């Protein structure tokens, strides 16, 4: 994804729904999601700083789906003004590629 804010600050939020039971930051660009013995690494490649988050997908509203056991995981970033910024999000099951694990 490529984003080009013009002359104002922009807050970008990216998230996905998951059944993962645990959310563990590995470093400032990698998060480990786990459910039982299953593992999934979420990796964000970008030149700007990001903040990972997780929150329940269960809604207090009667008209929304209940979504039991589902959570949203993702990241937020404040983008620099008048500068093109890129984000590459990768998901790796089981383990990180060697070039990422060594960092």
C-alpha atoms as a PDB file:
ATOM      1  CA  UNK A   1       0.000   0.000   0.000  1.00  0.00           C
ATOM      2  CA  UNK A   2       1.299   3.472  -0.810  1.00  0.00           C
ATOM      3  CA  UNK A   3      -0.074   6.638   0.805  1.00  0.00           C
ATOM      4  CA  UNK A   4       0.625  10.282  -0.114  1.00  0.00           C
ATOM      5  CA  UNK A   5      -0.873  12.831   2.308  1.00  0.00           C
ATOM      6  CA  UNK A   6      -0.866  16.331   0.842  1.00  0.00           C
ATOM      7  CA  UNK A   7      -0.483  19.160   3.320  1.00  0.00           C
ATOM      8  CA  UNK A   8      -1.846  17.699   6.530  1.00  0.00           C
ATOM      9  CA  UNK A   9      -0.949  14.974   8.971  1.00  0.00           C
ATOM     10  CA  UNK A  10      -2.744  11.693   8.389  1.00  0.00           C
ATOM     11  CA  UNK A  11      -3.262   8.863  10.852  1.00  0.00           C
ATOM     12  CA  UNK A  12      -3.306   5.489   9.107  1.00  0.00           C
ATOM     13  CA  UNK A  13      -4.889   2.438  10.763  1.00  0.00           C
ATOM     14  CA  UNK A  14      -4.601  -1.108   9.391  1.00  0.00           C
ATOM     15  CA  UNK A  15      -6.171  -4.120  11.081  1.00  0.00           C
ATOM     16  CA  UNK A  16      -7.378  -7.673  10.549  1.00  0.00           C
ATOM     17  CA  UNK A  17      -9.679 -10.052  12.416  1.00  0.00           C
ATOM     18  CA  UNK A  18      -8.184 -13.161  13.997  1.00  0.00           C
ATOM     19  CA  UNK A  19      -8.988 -16.018  16.371  1.00  0.00           C
ATOM     20  CA  UNK A  20      -5.498 -15.758  17.908  1.00  0.00           C
ATOM     21  CA  UNK A  21      -5.495 -16.156  21.693  1.00  0.00           C
ATOM     22  CA  UNK A  22      -2.234 -14.293  22.304  1.00  0.00           C
ATOM     23  CA  UNK A  23      -0.597 -11.215  20.800  1.00  0.00           C
ATOM     24  CA  UNK A  24       3.130 -10.807  21.514  1.00  0.00           C
ATOM     25  CA  UNK A  25       5.272  -7.997  20.059  1.00  0.00           C
ATOM     26  CA  UNK A  26       8.632  -9.433  18.930  1.00  0.00           C
ATOM     27  CA  UNK A  27      10.123  -6.047  18.033  1.00  0.00           C
ATOM     28  CA  UNK A  28       8.889  -2.716  16.650  1.00  0.00           C
ATOM     29  CA  UNK A  29       7.970  -4.310  13.281  1.00  0.00           C
ATOM     30  CA  UNK A  30       6.902  -7.868  14.161  1.00  0.00           C
ATOM     31  CA  UNK A  31       4.048  -9.365  16.219  1.00  0.00           C
ATOM     32  CA  UNK A  32       3.530 -13.050  17.009  1.00  0.00           C
ATOM     33  CA  UNK A  33      -0.078 -14.303  17.032  1.00  0.00           C
ATOM     34  CA  UNK A  34      -0.784 -17.703  18.609  1.00  0.00           C
ATOM     35  CA  UNK A  35      -3.738 -20.033  19.008  1.00  0.00           C
ATOM     36  CA  UNK A  36      -2.792 -23.273  20.694  1.00  0.00           C
ATOM     37  CA  UNK A  37       0.302 -24.590  18.900  1.00  0.00           C
ATOM     38  CA  UNK A  38      -0.384 -22.540  15.759  1.00  0.00           C
ATOM     39  CA  UNK A  39       1.738 -19.435  15.149  1.00  0.00           C
ATOM     40  CA  UNK A  40       1.485 -16.540  12.725  1.00  0.00           C
ATOM     41  CA  UNK A  41       3.959 -13.683  12.441  1.00  0.00           C
ATOM     42  CA  UNK A  42       2.645 -10.306  11.278  1.00  0.00           C
ATOM     43  CA  UNK A  43       5.489  -8.211   9.819  1.00  0.00           C
ATOM     44  CA  UNK A  44       5.220  -4.561   8.744  1.00  0.00           C
ATOM     45  CA  UNK A  45       7.894  -3.119   6.457  1.00  0.00           C
ATOM     46  CA  UNK A  46       7.751   0.695   6.411  1.00  0.00           C
ATOM     47  CA  UNK A  47      10.162   3.593   6.920  1.00  0.00           C
ATOM     48  CA  UNK A  48       7.882   5.346   9.468  1.00  0.00           C
ATOM     49  CA  UNK A  49       7.170   4.435  13.084  1.00  0.00           C
ATOM     50  CA  UNK A  50       4.130   2.305  13.898  1.00  0.00           C
ATOM     51  CA  UNK A  51       2.250   1.262  17.027  1.00  0.00           C
ATOM     52  CA  UNK A  52       0.752  -2.233  17.196  1.00  0.00           C
ATOM     53  CA  UNK A  53      -2.593  -2.808  18.925  1.00  0.00           C
ATOM     54  CA  UNK A  54      -5.123  -5.535  19.648  1.00  0.00           C
ATOM     55  CA  UNK A  55      -8.739  -5.200  20.738  1.00  0.00           C
ATOM     56  CA  UNK A  56     -11.801  -7.388  21.053  1.00  0.00           C
ATOM     57  CA  UNK A  57     -14.123  -7.659  18.055  1.00  0.00           C
ATOM     58  CA  UNK A  58     -17.103  -8.248  20.339  1.00  0.00           C
ATOM     59  CA  UNK A  59     -19.579  -5.398  20.034  1.00  0.00           C
ATOM     60  CA  UNK A  60     -21.841  -4.066  22.789  1.00  0.00           C
ATOM     61  CA  UNK A  61     -24.448  -3.237  20.140  1.00  0.00           C
ATOM     62  CA  UNK A  62     -27.355  -5.667  19.768  1.00  0.00           C
ATOM     63  CA  UNK A  63     -27.425  -5.170  15.989  1.00  0.00           C
ATOM     64  CA  UNK A  64     -23.792  -6.267  15.424  1.00  0.00           C
ATOM     65  CA  UNK A  65     -22.595  -9.845  15.133  1.00  0.00           C
ATOM     66  CA  UNK A  66     -21.348 -11.080  18.518  1.00  0.00           C
ATOM     67  CA  UNK A  67     -17.892 -12.249  17.230  1.00  0.00           C
ATOM     68  CA  UNK A  68     -17.005 -14.368  20.288  1.00  0.00           C
ATOM     69  CA  UNK A  69     -13.318 -15.280  20.475  1.00  0.00           C
ATOM     70  CA  UNK A  70     -12.367 -12.836  17.696  1.00  0.00           C
ATOM     71  CA  UNK A  71     -10.025  -9.893  18.080  1.00  0.00           C
ATOM     72  CA  UNK A  72      -8.663  -7.195  15.825  1.00  0.00           C
ATOM     73  CA  UNK A  73      -4.883  -6.850  15.554  1.00  0.00           C
ATOM     74  CA  UNK A  74      -3.142  -4.168  13.575  1.00  0.00           C
ATOM     75  CA  UNK A  75      -1.101  -1.006  13.679  1.00  0.00           C
ATOM     76  CA  UNK A  76      -1.422   2.772  13.564  1.00  0.00           C
ATOM     77  CA  UNK A  77       0.966   5.348  12.167  1.00  0.00           C
ATOM     78  CA  UNK A  78       1.017   9.122  11.819  1.00  0.00           C
ATOM     79  CA  UNK A  79       2.217   9.857   8.303  1.00  0.00           C
ATOM     80  CA  UNK A  80       4.626  12.673   7.471  1.00  0.00           C
ATOM     81  CA  UNK A  81       3.146  15.637   5.605  1.00  0.00           C
ATOM     82  CA  UNK A  82       3.656  15.908   1.846  1.00  0.00           C
ATOM     83  CA  UNK A  83       5.702  12.716   1.703  1.00  0.00           C
ATOM     84  CA  UNK A  84       4.854   9.424   0.015  1.00  0.00           C
ATOM     85  CA  UNK A  85       5.010   6.501   2.454  1.00  0.00           C
ATOM     86  CA  UNK A  86       4.783   2.776   1.753  1.00  0.00           C
ATOM     87  CA  UNK A  87       3.593  -0.085   3.951  1.00  0.00           C
ATOM     88  CA  UNK A  88       4.156  -3.756   3.204  1.00  0.00           C
ATOM     89  CA  UNK A  89       2.316  -6.185   5.493  1.00  0.00           C
ATOM     90  CA  UNK A  90       3.381  -9.843   5.401  1.00  0.00           C
ATOM     91  CA  UNK A  91       2.025 -12.854   7.267  1.00  0.00           C
ATOM     92  CA  UNK A  92       4.327 -15.821   7.916  1.00  0.00           C
ATOM     93  CA  UNK A  93       2.917 -19.070   9.362  1.00  0.00           C
ATOM     94  CA  UNK A  94       4.985 -21.021  11.903  1.00  0.00           C
ATOM     95  CA  UNK A  95       8.274 -19.094  11.734  1.00  0.00           C
ATOM     96  CA  UNK A  96       9.950 -15.966  10.448  1.00  0.00           C
ATOM     97  CA  UNK A  97      12.141 -16.160   7.344  1.00  0.00           C
ATOM     98  CA  UNK A  98      15.816 -16.423   8.285  1.00  0.00           C
ATOM     99  CA  UNK A  99      16.639 -12.886   7.151  1.00  0.00           C
ATOM    100  CA  UNK A 100      14.022 -11.483   9.565  1.00  0.00           C
ATOM    101  CA  UNK A 101      14.813 -13.802  12.460  1.00  0.00           C
ATOM    102  CA  UNK A 102      18.441 -12.622  12.470  1.00  0.00           C
ATOM    103  CA  UNK A 103      17.540  -8.940  12.951  1.00  0.00           C
END
